[in-house]
Amino acid sequence: MTDLEKPPPKPLVTGVASALSPMVRRVLAPNPGVMTGPGTNTYLVGIDEVAVIDPGVDDESHLDAIVGCGGDRIRWILCTHTHPDHSPGAAPLKKRTGAEALAFTSRDGLDVDTEIGKGFLI
């Protein structure tokens, strides 16, 4: 298939999970801006057990979309860093799901259950 034959990319829609592969879904947060583009990407990885990577902002509709996609299969919440568009959703998501919060360290309002580093495996 040539580039001319490829269908155009699907538009990113806030709060709607989109499958990137059989094991990865993306939920776009409702925080568009200069630094976030159309919004922060939150990823759900896994099938039977799900890891949420960068839960994003503390926004009810965004958290509803994450829980709606992962439900009771969410086991881990991983934060790559503590910028205000990436980690504030961790605490309320943990409260909703009981998932374990993981990051390099607790800081900037992020309270982790397990500190991770190079080579860490879930």
N, C-alpha and C. Protein backbone atom coordinates (compact mmCIF):
# COMPACT_ATOMS: atom_id res chain seq x y z
N MET A 1 0.85 -1.17 0.00
CA MET A 1 0.00 0.00 0.00
C MET A 1 0.90 1.24 0.00
N THR A 2 0.67 2.15 -0.89
CA THR A 2 1.45 3.38 -0.94
C THR A 2 0.87 4.41 0.03
N ASP A 3 1.63 5.46 0.27
CA ASP A 3 1.15 6.53 1.15
C ASP A 3 -0.14 7.14 0.62
N LEU A 4 -0.31 7.18 -0.68
CA LEU A 4 -1.51 7.76 -1.26
C LEU A 4 -2.74 6.87 -1.04
N GLU A 5 -2.51 5.58 -0.85
CA GLU A 5 -3.61 4.63 -0.66
C GLU A 5 -4.00 4.46 0.81
N LYS A 6 -3.15 4.91 1.74
CA LYS A 6 -3.42 4.76 3.15
C LYS A 6 -4.56 5.67 3.57
N PRO A 7 -5.44 5.16 4.43
CA PRO A 7 -6.52 6.03 4.91
C PRO A 7 -5.93 7.11 5.81
N PRO A 8 -6.58 8.25 5.91
CA PRO A 8 -6.07 9.31 6.78
C PRO A 8 -6.10 8.85 8.24
N PRO A 9 -5.21 9.38 9.07
CA PRO A 9 -5.23 8.98 10.48
C PRO A 9 -6.54 9.38 11.14
N LYS A 10 -6.97 8.57 12.09
CA LYS A 10 -8.19 8.87 12.83
C LYS A 10 -7.93 10.08 13.73
N PRO A 11 -8.90 10.97 13.85
CA PRO A 11 -8.71 12.12 14.73
C PRO A 11 -8.65 11.67 16.19
N LEU A 12 -7.86 12.39 16.98
CA LEU A 12 -7.78 12.11 18.41
C LEU A 12 -8.99 12.73 19.08
N VAL A 13 -9.71 11.94 19.87
CA VAL A 13 -10.92 12.41 20.54
C VAL A 13 -10.73 12.25 22.04
N THR A 14 -10.90 13.34 22.77
CA THR A 14 -10.78 13.32 24.22
C THR A 14 -11.75 12.32 24.84
N GLY A 15 -11.23 11.52 25.78
CA GLY A 15 -12.09 10.62 26.54
C GLY A 15 -12.52 9.36 25.84
N VAL A 16 -12.02 9.12 24.65
CA VAL A 16 -12.39 7.92 23.90
C VAL A 16 -11.14 7.05 23.75
N ALA A 17 -11.20 5.83 24.26
CA ALA A 17 -10.06 4.92 24.13
C ALA A 17 -9.90 4.49 22.69
N SER A 18 -8.68 4.55 22.20
CA SER A 18 -8.41 4.07 20.85
C SER A 18 -7.33 2.99 20.92
N ALA A 19 -7.54 1.90 20.19
CA ALA A 19 -6.59 0.80 20.18
C ALA A 19 -5.41 1.14 19.28
N LEU A 20 -4.21 1.05 19.84
CA LEU A 20 -2.99 1.24 19.05
C LEU A 20 -2.41 -0.09 18.63
N SER A 21 -2.75 -1.13 19.38
CA SER A 21 -2.37 -2.51 19.07
C SER A 21 -3.30 -3.39 19.88
N PRO A 22 -3.21 -4.71 19.73
CA PRO A 22 -4.09 -5.57 20.53
C PRO A 22 -3.89 -5.42 22.04
N MET A 23 -2.72 -4.92 22.46
CA MET A 23 -2.43 -4.81 23.89
C MET A 23 -2.33 -3.38 24.40
N VAL A 24 -2.44 -2.39 23.53
CA VAL A 24 -2.24 -1.00 23.95
C VAL A 24 -3.40 -0.13 23.50
N ARG A 25 -3.96 0.60 24.48
CA ARG A 25 -5.00 1.59 24.18
C ARG A 25 -4.54 2.95 24.67
N ARG A 26 -5.03 3.98 24.00
CA ARG A 26 -4.69 5.35 24.37
C ARG A 26 -5.97 6.11 24.71
N VAL A 27 -5.91 6.90 25.79
CA VAL A 27 -7.00 7.80 26.15
C VAL A 27 -6.41 9.20 26.20
N LEU A 28 -6.98 10.12 25.45
CA LEU A 28 -6.50 11.49 25.39
C LEU A 28 -7.15 12.32 26.48
N ALA A 29 -6.34 13.01 27.28
CA ALA A 29 -6.86 13.86 28.36
C ALA A 29 -7.38 15.18 27.78
N PRO A 30 -8.34 15.79 28.48
CA PRO A 30 -8.91 17.05 28.01
C PRO A 30 -8.10 18.26 28.46
N ASN A 31 -6.82 18.28 28.08
CA ASN A 31 -5.96 19.39 28.47
C ASN A 31 -5.09 19.86 27.30
N PRO A 32 -5.72 20.30 26.20
CA PRO A 32 -4.92 20.76 25.07
C PRO A 32 -4.13 22.02 25.44
N GLY A 33 -2.97 22.16 24.82
CA GLY A 33 -2.16 23.34 25.09
C GLY A 33 -0.86 23.30 24.30
N VAL A 34 -0.07 24.32 24.50
CA VAL A 34 1.21 24.44 23.79
C VAL A 34 2.13 23.26 24.12
N MET A 35 2.16 22.85 25.39
CA MET A 35 3.05 21.76 25.80
C MET A 35 2.42 20.38 25.63
N THR A 36 1.10 20.30 25.54
CA THR A 36 0.43 19.00 25.49
C THR A 36 -0.16 18.68 24.13
N GLY A 37 -0.09 19.61 23.19
CA GLY A 37 -0.72 19.38 21.89
C GLY A 37 -2.21 19.21 22.07
N PRO A 38 -2.81 18.17 21.50
CA PRO A 38 -4.26 17.99 21.64
C PRO A 38 -4.66 17.53 23.05
N GLY A 39 -3.69 17.12 23.86
CA GLY A 39 -3.93 16.66 25.23
C GLY A 39 -2.90 15.60 25.59
N THR A 40 -2.79 15.32 26.87
CA THR A 40 -1.84 14.31 27.34
C THR A 40 -2.33 12.92 26.97
N ASN A 41 -1.43 12.09 26.50
CA ASN A 41 -1.75 10.70 26.17
C ASN A 41 -1.59 9.83 27.41
N THR A 42 -2.63 9.10 27.76
CA THR A 42 -2.58 8.09 28.81
C THR A 42 -2.68 6.75 28.10
N TYR A 43 -1.79 5.82 28.47
CA TYR A 43 -1.77 4.51 27.82
C TYR A 43 -2.20 3.43 28.78
N LEU A 44 -2.99 2.50 28.30
CA LEU A 44 -3.36 1.29 29.05
C LEU A 44 -2.75 0.12 28.31
N VAL A 45 -1.90 -0.63 29.02
CA VAL A 45 -1.15 -1.72 28.41
C VAL A 45 -1.52 -3.03 29.11
N GLY A 46 -1.92 -4.01 28.32
CA GLY A 46 -2.24 -5.32 28.86
C GLY A 46 -3.66 -5.73 28.50
N ILE A 47 -3.97 -6.97 28.83
CA ILE A 47 -5.30 -7.50 28.54
C ILE A 47 -5.95 -7.96 29.85
N ASP A 48 -5.45 -9.05 30.44
CA ASP A 48 -6.03 -9.57 31.67
C ASP A 48 -5.65 -8.71 32.88
N GLU A 49 -4.44 -8.20 32.87
CA GLU A 49 -3.97 -7.26 33.88
C GLU A 49 -3.45 -6.04 33.14
N VAL A 50 -3.83 -4.87 33.62
CA VAL A 50 -3.56 -3.65 32.87
C VAL A 50 -2.69 -2.70 33.68
N ALA A 51 -1.70 -2.12 33.01
CA ALA A 51 -0.89 -1.04 33.56
C ALA A 51 -1.31 0.26 32.88
N VAL A 52 -1.55 1.29 33.67
CA VAL A 52 -1.86 2.62 33.15
C VAL A 52 -0.57 3.43 33.21
N ILE A 53 -0.15 3.95 32.08
CA ILE A 53 1.07 4.75 32.01
C ILE A 53 0.69 6.21 31.85
N ASP A 54 1.16 7.03 32.77
CA ASP A 54 0.88 8.46 32.81
C ASP A 54 -0.62 8.74 32.83
N PRO A 55 -1.24 8.61 34.02
CA PRO A 55 -2.69 8.78 34.13
C PRO A 55 -3.18 10.18 33.81
N GLY A 56 -2.28 11.13 33.70
CA GLY A 56 -2.68 12.46 33.26
C GLY A 56 -3.25 13.32 34.36
N VAL A 57 -4.16 14.18 33.97
CA VAL A 57 -4.72 15.19 34.87
C VAL A 57 -5.80 14.58 35.77
N ASP A 58 -6.05 15.24 36.87
CA ASP A 58 -7.12 14.85 37.79
C ASP A 58 -8.41 15.47 37.27
N ASP A 59 -9.05 14.79 36.35
CA ASP A 59 -10.27 15.25 35.70
C ASP A 59 -11.25 14.09 35.68
N GLU A 60 -12.45 14.30 36.22
CA GLU A 60 -13.43 13.22 36.34
C GLU A 60 -13.71 12.50 35.03
N SER A 61 -13.91 13.27 33.96
CA SER A 61 -14.24 12.63 32.67
C SER A 61 -13.06 11.80 32.15
N HIS A 62 -11.84 12.28 32.37
CA HIS A 62 -10.66 11.54 31.92
C HIS A 62 -10.51 10.25 32.74
N LEU A 63 -10.67 10.36 34.06
CA LEU A 63 -10.56 9.17 34.91
C LEU A 63 -11.68 8.18 34.61
N ASP A 64 -12.88 8.69 34.32
CA ASP A 64 -13.98 7.81 33.92
C ASP A 64 -13.63 7.03 32.66
N ALA A 65 -12.99 7.70 31.70
CA ALA A 65 -12.61 7.04 30.45
C ALA A 65 -11.55 5.96 30.69
N ILE A 66 -10.59 6.25 31.57
CA ILE A 66 -9.55 5.26 31.89
C ILE A 66 -10.18 4.04 32.56
N VAL A 67 -10.99 4.27 33.57
CA VAL A 67 -11.63 3.16 34.29
C VAL A 67 -12.60 2.43 33.36
N GLY A 68 -13.28 3.15 32.50
CA GLY A 68 -14.19 2.51 31.55
C GLY A 68 -13.46 1.59 30.60
N CYS A 69 -12.22 1.91 30.29
CA CYS A 69 -11.42 1.09 29.38
C CYS A 69 -10.76 -0.08 30.11
N GLY A 70 -10.21 0.17 31.31
CA GLY A 70 -9.46 -0.86 32.01
C GLY A 70 -10.22 -1.57 33.10
N GLY A 71 -11.20 -0.91 33.67
CA GLY A 71 -12.04 -1.51 34.70
C GLY A 71 -11.27 -2.12 35.86
N ASP A 72 -11.75 -3.26 36.32
CA ASP A 72 -11.13 -3.92 37.48
C ASP A 72 -9.86 -4.68 37.12
N ARG A 73 -9.43 -4.56 35.88
CA ARG A 73 -8.18 -5.21 35.45
C ARG A 73 -6.97 -4.31 35.70
N ILE A 74 -7.18 -3.03 36.05
CA ILE A 74 -6.07 -2.10 36.28
C ILE A 74 -5.35 -2.50 37.57
N ARG A 75 -4.08 -2.87 37.44
CA ARG A 75 -3.27 -3.32 38.57
C ARG A 75 -2.18 -2.33 38.95
N TRP A 76 -1.67 -1.59 37.95
CA TRP A 76 -0.53 -0.70 38.18
C TRP A 76 -0.78 0.65 37.53
N ILE A 77 -0.28 1.68 38.19
CA ILE A 77 -0.31 3.04 37.65
C ILE A 77 1.14 3.50 37.64
N LEU A 78 1.68 3.71 36.45
CA LEU A 78 3.07 4.11 36.31
C LEU A 78 3.15 5.57 35.86
N CYS A 79 3.97 6.34 36.54
CA CYS A 79 4.16 7.75 36.17
C CYS A 79 5.60 7.93 35.72
N THR A 80 5.77 8.42 34.50
CA THR A 80 7.11 8.62 33.97
C THR A 80 7.77 9.85 34.56
N HIS A 81 6.96 10.83 34.97
CA HIS A 81 7.47 12.03 35.63
C HIS A 81 6.30 12.76 36.28
N THR A 82 6.61 13.83 37.01
CA THR A 82 5.59 14.47 37.83
C THR A 82 5.12 15.82 37.31
N HIS A 83 5.22 16.04 36.02
CA HIS A 83 4.66 17.28 35.47
C HIS A 83 3.15 17.28 35.71
N PRO A 84 2.54 18.46 35.83
CA PRO A 84 1.11 18.54 36.16
C PRO A 84 0.17 17.95 35.11
N ASP A 85 0.68 17.62 33.94
CA ASP A 85 -0.17 16.98 32.93
C ASP A 85 0.00 15.47 32.89
N HIS A 86 0.85 14.91 33.73
CA HIS A 86 1.13 13.48 33.68
C HIS A 86 0.77 12.70 34.94
N SER A 87 0.94 13.28 36.13
CA SER A 87 0.78 12.45 37.34
C SER A 87 -0.36 12.82 38.29
N PRO A 88 -1.00 13.98 38.24
CA PRO A 88 -2.05 14.28 39.21
C PRO A 88 -3.22 13.29 39.22
N GLY A 89 -3.46 12.60 38.14
CA GLY A 89 -4.55 11.62 38.10
C GLY A 89 -4.22 10.32 38.82
N ALA A 90 -2.97 10.14 39.24
CA ALA A 90 -2.56 8.88 39.87
C ALA A 90 -3.31 8.60 41.17
N ALA A 91 -3.38 9.57 42.07
CA ALA A 91 -4.02 9.35 43.37
C ALA A 91 -5.51 9.04 43.23
N PRO A 92 -6.28 9.83 42.47
CA PRO A 92 -7.70 9.49 42.35
C PRO A 92 -7.93 8.18 41.58
N LEU A 93 -7.05 7.85 40.63
CA LEU A 93 -7.19 6.59 39.91
C LEU A 93 -6.89 5.42 40.85
N LYS A 94 -5.89 5.58 41.70
CA LYS A 94 -5.57 4.56 42.68
C LYS A 94 -6.75 4.35 43.63
N LYS A 95 -7.36 5.44 44.05
CA LYS A 95 -8.52 5.34 44.95
C LYS A 95 -9.66 4.58 44.29
N ARG A 96 -9.88 4.81 43.00
CA ARG A 96 -10.97 4.15 42.28
C ARG A 96 -10.71 2.67 42.02
N THR A 97 -9.43 2.32 41.80
CA THR A 97 -9.12 0.97 41.32
C THR A 97 -8.37 0.10 42.33
N GLY A 98 -7.72 0.71 43.30
CA GLY A 98 -6.87 -0.04 44.22
C GLY A 98 -5.54 -0.44 43.62
N ALA A 99 -5.22 0.10 42.44
CA ALA A 99 -3.98 -0.25 41.76
C ALA A 99 -2.76 0.29 42.52
N GLU A 100 -1.64 -0.32 42.27
CA GLU A 100 -0.37 0.08 42.88
C GLU A 100 0.24 1.21 42.06
N ALA A 101 0.67 2.28 42.73
CA ALA A 101 1.32 3.41 42.05
C ALA A 101 2.83 3.20 42.04
N LEU A 102 3.42 3.33 40.85
CA LEU A 102 4.86 3.14 40.69
C LEU A 102 5.47 4.35 39.98
N ALA A 103 6.65 4.75 40.43
CA ALA A 103 7.41 5.83 39.79
C ALA A 103 8.82 5.78 40.35
N PHE A 104 9.67 6.66 39.85
CA PHE A 104 11.06 6.67 40.31
C PHE A 104 11.15 7.05 41.78
N THR A 105 10.28 7.96 42.22
CA THR A 105 10.26 8.38 43.62
C THR A 105 8.98 9.16 43.90
N SER A 106 8.64 9.29 45.18
CA SER A 106 7.53 10.15 45.57
C SER A 106 8.03 11.60 45.57
N ARG A 107 7.30 12.47 44.87
CA ARG A 107 7.67 13.89 44.84
C ARG A 107 6.57 14.68 44.16
N ASP A 108 6.59 15.97 44.37
CA ASP A 108 5.66 16.89 43.71
C ASP A 108 4.20 16.46 43.87
N GLY A 109 3.85 15.92 45.04
CA GLY A 109 2.48 15.51 45.28
C GLY A 109 2.15 14.08 44.85
N LEU A 110 3.09 13.42 44.20
CA LEU A 110 2.88 12.02 43.80
C LEU A 110 3.40 11.11 44.90
N ASP A 111 2.54 10.28 45.43
CA ASP A 111 2.90 9.34 46.49
C ASP A 111 2.89 7.94 45.88
N VAL A 112 4.07 7.32 45.78
CA VAL A 112 4.15 6.00 45.14
C VAL A 112 4.20 4.88 46.17
N ASP A 113 3.69 3.75 45.76
CA ASP A 113 3.76 2.54 46.59
C ASP A 113 5.10 1.84 46.41
N THR A 114 5.58 1.83 45.18
CA THR A 114 6.83 1.16 44.85
C THR A 114 7.68 2.07 43.98
N GLU A 115 8.93 2.27 44.41
CA GLU A 115 9.87 3.05 43.60
C GLU A 115 10.52 2.12 42.59
N ILE A 116 10.62 2.59 41.37
CA ILE A 116 11.19 1.77 40.30
C ILE A 116 12.42 2.46 39.73
N GLY A 117 13.22 1.71 39.03
CA GLY A 117 14.41 2.24 38.40
C GLY A 117 14.78 1.40 37.20
N LYS A 118 15.97 1.64 36.71
CA LYS A 118 16.45 0.93 35.52
C LYS A 118 16.37 -0.58 35.73
N GLY A 119 15.76 -1.27 34.77
CA GLY A 119 15.68 -2.72 34.81
C GLY A 119 14.53 -3.28 35.63
N PHE A 120 13.70 -2.42 36.21
CA PHE A 120 12.60 -2.89 37.05
C PHE A 120 11.58 -3.62 36.19
N LEU A 121 11.07 -4.73 36.69
CA LEU A 121 10.04 -5.50 36.01
C LEU A 121 8.82 -5.63 36.90
N ILE A 122 7.66 -5.50 36.29
CA ILE A 122 6.43 -5.69 37.06
C ILE A 122 6.20 -7.16 37.25
